[in-house]
Amino acid sequence: MQPNASPLHAAVADDFAAVDRTILAQLASRVPLVETIGHYIIESGGKRLRPLLVLLAARSLNYPGDRHVTLATLIEFMHTSTLLHDDVVDESHLRRGKATANDAWGNAPSVLVGDFLYSRSFQMMVEVGSMRVMEILSGATCVIAEGEVLQLTNIGNPDIDEAAYFDTIQGKTAMLFEAASHSGAVLAEASPAQEEALKLYGRYLGLAFQLVDDLLDYQGDADAMGKNVGDDLAEGKPTLPLIHAMAVGDAEQTKTIRRAIRQGGLDHLDEVLAIVNETGALEYTRRRAVEMADRALAQLELLPESCYRDSMAELAHLAVERQT
């Protein structure tokens, strides 16, 4: 499978190959459609950053076993299940340059296969056999669900401030990054200080990735991104570029963005693109992303020097340098 071979994965190449094999084995179902949709979404070209975080965190602390492979796999299944559900909720038609599962098979099969992957992840959680890991991941699932609901309730609401925005992305995106690196640390029996450092590393890395995602919605390349520029605006999502533009823009600019968020769609896209550029909102969003990446990097000082720590540092740089 391995659509993700890169220097970032080199340090844990054997572990990552084992994750790929485990993914294929765990997708097995007596219902053919479950396997078909599961393979489609799993193999759709994602970076698999969350399972990578598990492997790197565990190995950075000299974890000698193999349960981190199961842990990495189940976290990828958790992530994939949320993608299936999110695309239904958002009525998305394109992800990573391919038709979404709901576009190809319909909403009901997508939701139900998402449920299957989610349930399978809990079976694997039991296999890992750590109550601490179960505590971290079961708690994370609740926070992630709350984050998704919070985002849904904020659709079309131009009164969201920056604090509320960060609260939302901490739940819907950063929480699974945090749970990945945190659970990997716990599996490796990290010291309390190292455990906290890897937990925070994942949190800040996840925030940096989401900030850049929200930035690229207003300045990315549609072909490279695999989705359309302006998708967030079309859905009426008040992300940081819009929030900051409203905070610093003049009355007319603020009025235009508020109207665009309330109405959704792309009727005001050109106006909004001009405003987020004129107000420096995109540069501000990138600065906040860099700030989060720097915070993530600072956490790595508590880890011993290794190729695994180096890969985690590269991940933090990738978070803010990427264009997709």
Protein backbone atom coordinates (compact mmCIF):
# COMPACT_ATOMS: atom_id res chain seq x y z
CA MET A 1 0.00 0.00 0.00
CA GLN A 2 2.47 2.67 1.24
CA PRO A 3 1.35 5.79 -0.62
CA ASN A 4 3.24 7.86 1.93
CA ALA A 5 6.89 6.84 1.61
CA SER A 6 8.98 9.93 2.40
CA PRO A 7 12.04 10.92 4.42
CA LEU A 8 9.69 11.56 7.33
CA HIS A 9 8.76 7.88 7.38
CA ALA A 10 12.30 6.58 6.88
CA ALA A 11 13.09 6.36 10.60
CA VAL A 12 10.16 4.01 11.16
CA ALA A 13 9.94 2.42 7.70
CA ASP A 14 9.64 -1.14 9.01
CA ASP A 15 7.04 -0.14 11.57
CA PHE A 16 5.11 1.75 8.93
CA ALA A 17 5.11 -1.30 6.65
CA ALA A 18 3.74 -3.30 9.57
CA VAL A 19 0.99 -0.69 10.02
CA ASP A 20 0.07 -1.05 6.34
CA ARG A 21 -0.20 -4.82 6.74
CA THR A 22 -2.30 -4.43 9.87
CA ILE A 23 -4.63 -1.96 8.15
CA LEU A 24 -5.28 -4.46 5.37
CA ALA A 25 -5.90 -7.26 7.84
CA GLN A 26 -8.23 -5.19 10.02
CA LEU A 27 -10.28 -4.02 7.03
CA ALA A 28 -11.42 -7.61 6.49
CA SER A 29 -15.20 -7.94 6.76
CA ARG A 30 -17.83 -10.47 5.76
CA VAL A 31 -19.64 -7.56 4.08
CA PRO A 32 -17.95 -6.73 0.75
CA LEU A 33 -19.09 -3.08 0.69
CA VAL A 34 -17.37 -2.46 4.02
CA GLU A 35 -14.07 -3.62 2.57
CA THR A 36 -14.60 -1.72 -0.69
CA ILE A 37 -15.29 1.64 0.94
CA GLY A 38 -12.71 1.03 3.66
CA HIS A 39 -9.98 0.39 1.11
CA TYR A 40 -11.10 3.36 -0.99
CA ILE A 41 -10.79 5.89 1.81
CA ILE A 42 -7.72 4.36 3.50
CA GLU A 43 -5.80 4.26 0.21
CA SER A 44 -6.83 7.72 -0.98
CA GLY A 45 -3.40 9.28 -0.53
CA GLY A 46 -3.43 10.79 2.95
CA LYS A 47 -0.18 11.52 4.76
CA ARG A 48 -1.00 9.19 7.67
CA LEU A 49 0.48 11.68 10.09
CA ARG A 50 -1.40 10.45 13.14
CA PRO A 51 -0.14 6.86 13.00
CA LEU A 52 3.31 8.24 12.17
CA LEU A 53 3.17 10.24 15.40
CA VAL A 54 2.44 7.10 17.40
CA LEU A 55 5.42 5.28 15.91
CA LEU A 56 7.82 8.19 16.29
CA ALA A 57 6.75 9.00 19.85
CA ALA A 58 7.11 5.39 21.00
CA ARG A 59 10.44 4.81 19.26
CA SER A 60 11.85 8.15 20.43
CA LEU A 61 11.63 6.73 23.96
CA ASN A 62 13.15 3.39 22.96
CA TYR A 63 9.93 1.37 23.03
CA PRO A 64 11.04 -2.22 22.30
CA GLY A 65 7.72 -3.95 21.56
CA ASP A 66 5.23 -4.11 18.71
CA ARG A 67 1.96 -2.93 20.25
CA HIS A 68 2.66 0.54 18.85
CA VAL A 69 1.81 -0.88 15.42
CA THR A 70 -1.68 -1.83 16.60
CA LEU A 71 -2.01 1.54 18.32
CA ALA A 72 -0.98 3.40 15.17
CA THR A 73 -3.44 1.39 13.08
CA LEU A 74 -6.40 2.00 15.35
CA ILE A 75 -5.69 5.73 15.40
CA GLU A 76 -5.68 5.75 11.59
CA PHE A 77 -9.06 3.96 11.69
CA MET A 78 -10.41 6.55 14.12
CA HIS A 79 -9.25 9.31 11.81
CA THR A 80 -10.67 7.64 8.71
CA SER A 81 -14.04 7.16 10.36
CA THR A 82 -14.21 10.88 11.13
CA LEU A 83 -13.36 11.69 7.49
CA LEU A 84 -16.25 9.54 6.27
CA HIS A 85 -18.65 11.19 8.70
CA ASP A 86 -17.32 14.71 8.07
CA ASP A 87 -17.77 14.43 4.32
CA VAL A 88 -21.41 13.46 4.81
CA VAL A 89 -22.02 16.31 7.25
CA ASP A 90 -20.25 18.82 4.98
CA GLU A 91 -21.87 17.38 1.83
CA SER A 92 -18.36 17.25 0.34
CA HIS A 93 -17.77 15.88 -3.14
CA LEU A 94 -13.98 16.00 -3.33
CA ARG A 95 -11.20 14.92 -0.95
CA ARG A 96 -7.53 14.69 -1.91
CA GLY A 97 -8.47 15.08 -5.55
CA LYS A 98 -10.85 12.11 -5.57
CA ALA A 99 -14.60 11.77 -5.21
CA THR A 100 -15.58 11.35 -1.57
CA ALA A 101 -17.05 8.02 -0.49
CA ASN A 102 -20.44 9.63 0.04
CA ASP A 103 -20.30 11.01 -3.49
CA ALA A 104 -19.39 7.59 -4.89
CA TRP A 105 -21.64 5.34 -2.77
CA GLY A 106 -24.07 7.63 -0.96
CA ASN A 107 -24.43 8.96 2.56
CA ALA A 108 -25.82 5.90 4.32
CA PRO A 109 -23.03 3.48 3.32
CA SER A 110 -20.39 6.10 4.18
CA VAL A 111 -21.78 6.69 7.67
CA LEU A 112 -22.15 2.97 8.37
CA VAL A 113 -18.65 2.08 7.15
CA GLY A 114 -17.37 4.94 9.31
CA ASP A 115 -19.14 3.28 12.23
CA PHE A 116 -17.47 -0.04 11.34
CA LEU A 117 -13.99 1.52 11.30
CA TYR A 118 -14.68 3.29 14.58
CA SER A 119 -15.86 0.06 16.18
CA ARG A 120 -12.86 -1.84 14.82
CA SER A 121 -10.57 0.77 16.37
CA PHE A 122 -12.03 -0.01 19.80
CA GLN A 123 -11.44 -3.73 19.26
CA MET A 124 -7.79 -2.96 18.57
CA MET A 125 -7.69 -0.66 21.59
CA VAL A 126 -8.48 -3.68 23.74
CA GLU A 127 -5.69 -5.61 22.00
CA VAL A 128 -3.18 -2.93 22.99
CA GLY A 129 -4.02 -3.81 26.58
CA SER A 130 -3.26 -0.52 28.33
CA MET A 131 -5.86 1.14 30.51
CA ARG A 132 -3.99 4.44 30.30
CA VAL A 133 -4.08 4.31 26.51
CA MET A 134 -7.78 3.44 26.58
CA GLU A 135 -8.39 6.37 28.92
CA ILE A 136 -6.56 8.79 26.60
CA LEU A 137 -8.25 7.59 23.41
CA SER A 138 -11.77 7.23 24.79
CA GLY A 139 -11.51 10.73 26.22
CA ALA A 140 -10.19 12.01 22.91
CA THR A 141 -13.15 10.58 21.00
CA CYS A 142 -15.54 12.62 23.14
CA VAL A 143 -13.54 15.81 22.64
CA ILE A 144 -13.36 15.21 18.88
CA ALA A 145 -17.11 14.66 18.65
CA GLU A 146 -17.73 17.83 20.65
CA GLY A 147 -15.38 19.74 18.34
CA GLU A 148 -17.29 18.56 15.28
CA VAL A 149 -20.63 19.56 16.82
CA LEU A 150 -19.16 22.91 17.86
CA GLN A 151 -18.02 23.55 14.30
CA LEU A 152 -21.44 22.60 13.00
CA THR A 153 -23.20 24.99 15.37
CA ASN A 154 -20.81 27.77 14.30
CA ILE A 155 -21.66 27.44 10.60
CA GLY A 156 -23.02 30.74 9.34
CA ASN A 157 -22.12 32.55 12.57
CA PRO A 158 -19.91 35.63 11.97
CA ASP A 159 -19.73 36.43 15.70
CA ILE A 160 -17.20 33.69 16.52
CA ASP A 161 -14.03 35.14 18.04
CA GLU A 162 -10.49 33.83 17.91
CA ALA A 163 -10.72 32.04 21.26
CA ALA A 164 -13.82 30.14 20.15
CA TYR A 165 -12.12 29.26 16.88
CA PHE A 166 -9.11 27.76 18.67
CA ASP A 167 -11.43 25.86 20.99
CA THR A 168 -13.11 24.34 17.94
CA ILE A 169 -9.93 23.30 16.10
CA GLN A 170 -8.40 21.95 19.31
CA GLY A 171 -11.32 19.53 19.45
CA LYS A 172 -11.91 18.64 15.84
CA THR A 173 -8.28 18.39 14.67
CA ALA A 174 -5.58 18.83 17.30
CA MET A 175 -7.07 16.36 19.76
CA LEU A 176 -6.30 13.28 17.66
CA PHE A 177 -2.75 14.51 16.99
CA GLU A 178 -2.37 14.98 20.74
CA ALA A 179 -3.85 11.57 21.52
CA ALA A 180 -1.51 9.91 19.00
CA SER A 181 1.73 11.28 20.42
CA HIS A 182 0.48 11.06 24.03
CA SER A 183 -0.61 7.43 23.78
CA GLY A 184 2.68 6.51 22.07
CA ALA A 185 4.54 8.06 24.98
CA VAL A 186 2.43 6.19 27.54
CA LEU A 187 2.99 2.90 25.71
CA ALA A 188 6.74 3.55 25.93
CA GLU A 189 6.44 4.24 29.68
CA ALA A 190 7.66 7.83 29.36
CA SER A 191 8.63 9.86 32.37
CA PRO A 192 5.91 12.30 33.49
CA ALA A 193 7.80 15.21 31.94
CA GLN A 194 8.35 13.41 28.63
CA GLU A 195 4.74 12.25 28.53
CA GLU A 196 3.51 15.81 28.97
CA ALA A 197 5.98 17.07 26.36
CA LEU A 198 4.80 14.58 23.74
CA LYS A 199 1.18 15.31 24.56
CA LEU A 200 1.74 19.03 24.00
CA TYR A 201 3.86 18.37 20.92
CA GLY A 202 0.91 16.62 19.27
CA ARG A 203 -1.50 19.35 20.32
CA TYR A 204 0.56 22.20 18.91
CA LEU A 205 1.39 20.25 15.76
CA GLY A 206 -2.30 19.61 15.15
CA LEU A 207 -3.15 23.27 15.65
CA ALA A 208 -0.42 24.28 13.20
CA PHE A 209 -1.74 21.88 10.57
CA GLN A 210 -5.32 23.12 10.92
CA LEU A 211 -4.27 26.76 10.77
CA VAL A 212 -2.43 26.12 7.51
CA ASP A 213 -5.41 24.16 6.17
CA ASP A 214 -7.62 27.17 6.87
CA LEU A 215 -5.05 29.49 5.30
CA LEU A 216 -4.79 27.37 2.15
CA ASP A 217 -8.54 27.57 1.67
CA TYR A 218 -7.96 31.19 0.66
CA GLN A 219 -4.63 30.99 -1.14
CA GLY A 220 -4.04 27.37 -2.09
CA ASP A 221 -3.91 25.69 -5.47
CA ALA A 222 -7.06 23.65 -6.06
CA ASP A 223 -5.31 20.97 -8.12
CA ALA A 224 -2.56 20.50 -5.57
CA MET A 225 -4.90 20.59 -2.59
CA GLY A 226 -7.43 18.14 -3.99
CA LYS A 227 -10.28 20.41 -3.01
CA ASN A 228 -11.69 23.70 -4.18
CA VAL A 229 -10.39 27.05 -2.98
CA GLY A 230 -13.16 28.73 -1.00
CA ASP A 231 -14.75 25.50 0.26
CA ASP A 232 -14.78 26.80 3.85
CA LEU A 233 -16.44 30.03 2.78
CA ALA A 234 -18.98 28.12 0.69
CA GLU A 235 -19.94 26.19 3.83
CA GLY A 236 -20.14 29.36 5.93
CA LYS A 237 -17.25 28.38 8.21
CA PRO A 238 -15.80 31.31 10.20
CA THR A 239 -12.11 30.36 10.17
CA LEU A 240 -9.19 32.48 11.39
CA PRO A 241 -8.51 34.37 8.12
CA LEU A 242 -12.08 35.67 8.20
CA ILE A 243 -12.14 36.25 11.96
CA HIS A 244 -8.95 38.33 11.84
CA ALA A 245 -10.06 40.23 8.75
CA MET A 246 -13.27 41.23 10.54
CA ALA A 247 -11.28 42.24 13.63
CA VAL A 248 -8.93 44.60 11.78
CA GLY A 249 -10.87 45.54 8.64
CA ASP A 250 -12.97 48.66 8.17
CA ALA A 251 -16.74 48.68 8.57
CA GLU A 252 -17.46 47.90 4.93
CA GLN A 253 -14.98 45.02 4.80
CA THR A 254 -16.39 43.56 8.01
CA LYS A 255 -19.94 43.86 6.67
CA THR A 256 -18.97 42.02 3.47
CA ILE A 257 -17.39 39.12 5.35
CA ARG A 258 -20.27 38.85 7.81
CA ARG A 259 -22.70 38.65 4.90
CA ALA A 260 -20.55 36.02 3.16
CA ILE A 261 -20.41 33.83 6.29
CA ARG A 262 -24.15 34.09 6.90
CA GLN A 263 -25.09 33.32 3.32
CA GLY A 264 -22.46 30.69 2.52
CA GLY A 265 -21.82 29.90 -1.12
CA LEU A 266 -19.25 31.58 -3.33
CA ASP A 267 -21.07 34.70 -4.49
CA HIS A 268 -18.71 36.88 -2.43
CA LEU A 269 -15.52 34.84 -2.89
CA ASP A 270 -13.61 37.43 -4.95
CA GLU A 271 -14.49 40.22 -2.52
CA VAL A 272 -13.51 38.11 0.47
CA LEU A 273 -10.22 37.03 -1.13
CA ALA A 274 -9.36 40.69 -1.69
CA ILE A 275 -10.22 41.60 1.91
CA VAL A 276 -8.23 38.81 3.57
CA ASN A 277 -5.24 39.90 1.50
CA GLU A 278 -5.70 43.63 2.15
CA THR A 279 -6.10 43.18 5.91
CA GLY A 280 -3.07 40.90 6.30
CA ALA A 281 -5.31 38.12 7.60
CA LEU A 282 -3.45 35.43 5.68
CA GLU A 283 -0.07 36.56 6.99
CA TYR A 284 -1.53 36.67 10.49
CA THR A 285 -2.88 33.14 10.18
CA ARG A 286 0.51 31.89 8.98
CA ARG A 287 2.24 33.63 11.90
CA ARG A 288 -0.07 31.86 14.34
CA ALA A 289 0.69 28.56 12.59
CA VAL A 290 4.44 29.20 12.92
CA GLU A 291 3.91 30.05 16.58
CA MET A 292 2.21 26.68 17.16
CA ALA A 293 4.92 24.82 15.25
CA ASP A 294 7.59 26.54 17.36
CA ARG A 295 5.77 25.49 20.52
CA ALA A 296 5.72 21.92 19.24
CA LEU A 297 9.45 22.04 18.52
CA ALA A 298 10.18 23.32 22.02
CA GLN A 299 8.63 20.18 23.52
CA LEU A 300 11.15 17.96 21.76
CA GLU A 301 13.98 19.33 23.93
CA LEU A 302 12.88 16.87 26.62
CA LEU A 303 13.53 13.86 24.37
CA PRO A 304 16.89 12.17 23.80
CA GLU A 305 18.58 12.91 20.49
CA SER A 306 17.59 10.40 17.82
CA CYS A 307 16.45 10.07 14.23
CA TYR A 308 12.90 9.81 15.61
CA ARG A 309 13.13 13.17 17.33
CA ASP A 310 14.60 14.63 14.13
CA SER A 311 11.61 13.34 12.16
CA MET A 312 9.22 14.93 14.63
CA ALA A 313 11.05 18.22 14.22
CA GLU A 314 10.72 17.89 10.44
CA LEU A 315 7.00 17.29 10.86
CA ALA A 316 6.67 20.60 12.68
CA HIS A 317 8.48 22.38 9.85
CA LEU A 318 6.32 20.58 7.26
CA ALA A 319 3.19 21.74 9.04
CA VAL A 320 3.83 25.37 8.11
CA GLU A 321 5.79 24.98 4.88
CA ARG A 322 3.39 22.73 2.98
CA GLN A 323 1.21 23.92 0.14
CA THR A 324 -1.32 21.05 0.27
